[in-house]
Amino acid sequence: MRPAPVKDLVRARAIARSRRAAGFTIVEVMLAMVILLIGATAVLGLLTFGATLTRAAQLRTAAASALDAVDADLEQVLFPFADGEVGEPVKIADRRVPGAPGVVYSAEAVQNPANPREYRVDVEMRWESGGVRRSRSFSQLRLRQIGFGERLRREFVEKSGGFRKTGAAGTVAD
């Protein structure tokens, strides 16, 4: 009857080995935590980077919209149209930028001596951001001519009493 206690001993050792192998050691747990921490830090860094890129894109879009608004406003007000003639350029000072609250611009036109219809327009935009006054300047060339909106009005409303139809080649269809 001796074989029975040997079987029990073998069985007891096998159970003890399986219980030891079933758990994790502290080294394995710490290693897993370090890997998780590195992964979480990388993900948070990418989220922060993405948020920064999004904010920069929003600011650039707002700046482009403000520049377009200034350009359109200059086309309407820089060269006054009176009595069927385009007048001399007016100096613009601290005019609000349409669609951009808190942003103003000033503009002054200087005539090109070589071409009397051509003007260099120096524009300065100013705003306040974070309690600091900021400004940017740029220049553009403009011809002294009727603005686009006025040209359309004259072409389509005054001359024909309404919109005219054009043919395939762009000629006026009668």
Protein backbone atom coordinates (compact mmCIF):
# COMPACT_ATOMS: atom_id res chain seq x y z
CA MET A 1 0.00 0.00 0.00
CA ARG A 2 2.91 2.28 -0.24
CA PRO A 3 2.18 3.45 -3.74
CA ALA A 4 -0.80 5.53 -2.60
CA PRO A 5 1.23 8.01 -0.49
CA VAL A 6 3.69 8.53 -3.39
CA LYS A 7 0.80 9.36 -5.68
CA ASP A 8 -0.51 11.87 -3.15
CA LEU A 9 2.92 13.43 -2.82
CA VAL A 10 3.30 13.78 -6.60
CA ARG A 11 -0.18 15.19 -6.87
CA ALA A 12 0.50 17.70 -4.06
CA ARG A 13 3.72 18.86 -5.72
CA ALA A 14 1.94 19.28 -9.07
CA ILE A 15 -0.79 21.40 -7.45
CA ALA A 16 1.81 23.55 -5.68
CA ARG A 17 3.71 24.08 -8.97
CA SER A 18 0.54 25.03 -10.84
CA ARG A 19 -0.45 27.52 -8.15
CA ARG A 20 2.98 29.18 -8.31
CA ALA A 21 2.87 29.36 -12.12
CA ALA A 22 -0.70 30.74 -12.20
CA GLY A 23 0.15 34.20 -10.71
CA PHE A 24 2.37 37.11 -11.79
CA THR A 25 5.54 38.11 -10.09
CA ILE A 26 6.01 41.70 -8.93
CA VAL A 27 8.61 42.22 -11.67
CA GLU A 28 6.10 41.25 -14.36
CA VAL A 29 3.47 43.58 -12.91
CA MET A 30 5.92 46.49 -12.73
CA LEU A 31 7.07 45.88 -16.30
CA ALA A 32 3.47 45.88 -17.53
CA MET A 33 2.80 49.14 -15.67
CA VAL A 34 5.87 50.81 -17.21
CA ILE A 35 4.76 49.78 -20.72
CA LEU A 36 1.23 51.08 -20.04
CA LEU A 37 2.61 54.37 -18.71
CA ILE A 38 4.80 54.89 -21.77
CA GLY A 39 1.87 54.18 -24.10
CA ALA A 40 -0.48 56.54 -22.21
CA THR A 41 2.15 59.31 -22.25
CA ALA A 42 2.58 58.93 -26.01
CA VAL A 43 -1.18 59.10 -26.61
CA LEU A 44 -1.55 62.21 -24.42
CA GLY A 45 1.35 63.85 -26.24
CA LEU A 46 -0.33 63.20 -29.59
CA LEU A 47 -3.63 64.64 -28.32
CA THR A 48 -1.88 67.80 -27.14
CA PHE A 49 -0.04 68.11 -30.45
CA GLY A 50 -3.31 67.66 -32.37
CA ALA A 51 -5.06 70.31 -30.27
CA THR A 52 -2.20 72.74 -30.96
CA LEU A 53 -2.41 72.12 -34.70
CA THR A 54 -6.19 72.61 -34.64
CA ARG A 55 -5.87 75.96 -32.83
CA ALA A 56 -3.19 77.14 -35.27
CA ALA A 57 -5.42 76.19 -38.21
CA GLN A 58 -8.35 78.11 -36.68
CA LEU A 59 -6.20 81.21 -36.21
CA ARG A 60 -4.89 81.04 -39.79
CA THR A 61 -8.42 80.66 -41.13
CA ALA A 62 -9.58 83.69 -39.13
CA ALA A 63 -6.60 85.71 -40.40
CA ALA A 64 -7.30 84.74 -44.02
CA SER A 65 -10.96 85.71 -43.60
CA ALA A 66 -9.96 89.08 -42.14
CA LEU A 67 -7.57 89.73 -45.05
CA ASP A 68 -10.29 88.85 -47.56
CA ALA A 69 -12.70 91.18 -45.75
CA VAL A 70 -10.17 94.04 -45.85
CA ASP A 71 -9.54 93.43 -49.56
CA ALA A 72 -13.27 93.49 -50.36
CA ASP A 73 -13.81 96.57 -48.20
CA LEU A 74 -10.93 98.41 -49.88
CA GLU A 75 -12.43 97.65 -53.29
CA GLN A 76 -15.64 99.36 -52.23
CA VAL A 77 -14.38 102.40 -50.33
CA LEU A 78 -10.84 103.27 -51.49
CA PHE A 79 -11.81 104.96 -54.74
CA PRO A 80 -15.10 106.82 -54.29
CA PHE A 81 -17.49 106.77 -57.23
CA ALA A 82 -19.41 110.01 -57.73
CA ASP A 83 -21.05 111.67 -60.75
CA GLY A 84 -20.08 108.78 -62.99
CA GLU A 85 -16.35 109.18 -62.26
CA VAL A 86 -13.87 107.33 -60.08
CA GLY A 87 -12.36 109.79 -57.63
CA GLU A 88 -8.97 110.05 -55.99
CA PRO A 89 -8.24 107.52 -53.26
CA VAL A 90 -9.34 108.35 -49.74
CA LYS A 91 -7.22 107.78 -46.66
CA ILE A 92 -8.79 105.18 -44.39
CA ALA A 93 -8.12 105.36 -40.66
CA ASP A 94 -9.16 102.85 -37.98
CA ARG A 95 -11.95 101.26 -39.99
CA ARG A 96 -13.44 98.09 -38.52
CA VAL A 97 -12.84 94.90 -40.44
CA PRO A 98 -16.19 93.38 -41.41
CA GLY A 99 -16.70 90.00 -39.74
CA ALA A 100 -13.66 90.35 -37.44
CA PRO A 101 -14.62 91.93 -34.11
CA GLY A 102 -11.83 93.88 -32.45
CA VAL A 103 -9.78 94.22 -35.65
CA VAL A 104 -9.34 97.60 -37.34
CA TYR A 105 -7.32 98.67 -40.35
CA SER A 106 -5.89 101.82 -41.85
CA ALA A 107 -4.92 102.27 -45.49
CA GLU A 108 -3.20 104.89 -47.58
CA ALA A 109 -2.76 104.84 -51.35
CA VAL A 110 0.36 106.20 -53.09
CA GLN A 111 0.21 106.84 -56.85
CA ASN A 112 2.74 105.24 -59.17
CA PRO A 113 4.45 108.08 -61.10
CA ALA A 114 4.97 105.84 -64.14
CA ASN A 115 1.29 104.83 -64.32
CA PRO A 116 -1.23 107.38 -62.99
CA ARG A 117 -4.00 104.76 -62.66
CA GLU A 118 -1.87 102.45 -60.50
CA TYR A 119 -1.59 102.83 -56.72
CA ARG A 120 0.38 101.08 -54.01
CA VAL A 121 -1.94 100.68 -51.03
CA ASP A 122 -0.23 100.31 -47.65
CA VAL A 123 -2.51 98.60 -45.14
CA GLU A 124 -1.99 98.21 -41.40
CA MET A 125 -4.25 95.88 -39.42
CA ARG A 126 -4.41 96.18 -35.61
CA TRP A 127 -6.01 94.09 -32.86
CA GLU A 128 -5.54 93.14 -29.23
CA SER A 129 -4.76 89.59 -28.16
CA GLY A 130 -4.02 88.49 -24.61
CA GLY A 131 -3.84 92.10 -23.44
CA VAL A 132 -1.14 92.93 -26.01
CA ARG A 133 -1.70 95.27 -28.95
CA ARG A 134 -0.62 93.61 -32.18
CA SER A 135 -0.38 94.79 -35.77
CA ARG A 136 0.55 93.55 -39.21
CA SER A 137 1.22 95.56 -42.36
CA PHE A 138 1.10 94.65 -46.01
CA SER A 139 0.97 96.42 -49.36
CA GLN A 140 -0.94 95.69 -52.53
CA LEU A 141 -1.28 97.21 -55.97
CA ARG A 142 -4.65 98.54 -57.07
CA LEU A 143 -5.92 100.25 -60.17
CA ARG A 144 -8.10 103.32 -59.87
CA GLN A 145 -11.29 101.90 -61.28
CA ILE A 146 -14.89 101.24 -60.44
CA GLY A 147 -15.32 98.48 -57.88
CA PHE A 148 -16.50 95.03 -58.95
CA GLY A 149 -19.95 95.41 -57.37
CA GLU A 150 -20.53 98.75 -59.09
CA ARG A 151 -19.37 97.32 -62.42
CA LEU A 152 -21.83 94.45 -62.10
CA ARG A 153 -24.64 96.83 -61.18
CA ARG A 154 -23.90 99.06 -64.16
CA GLU A 155 -23.53 96.13 -66.54
CA PHE A 156 -26.59 94.16 -65.56
CA VAL A 157 -29.03 96.61 -64.04
CA GLU A 158 -28.56 100.00 -65.66
CA LYS A 159 -27.67 99.00 -69.24
CA SER A 160 -30.15 96.22 -69.82
CA GLY A 161 -32.80 96.61 -67.16
CA GLY A 162 -31.89 93.16 -65.83
CA PHE A 163 -29.48 90.32 -66.35
CA ARG A 164 -28.52 89.62 -69.96
CA LYS A 165 -28.05 86.17 -71.39
CA THR A 166 -24.73 85.29 -72.96
CA GLY A 167 -24.09 82.84 -75.77
CA ALA A 168 -21.56 80.03 -75.87
CA ALA A 169 -18.72 82.34 -76.90
CA GLY A 170 -19.54 84.84 -74.16
CA THR A 171 -21.23 87.29 -76.52
CA VAL A 172 -24.45 89.00 -75.61
CA ALA A 173 -27.49 87.22 -76.99
CA ASP A 174 -30.16 89.62 -78.27
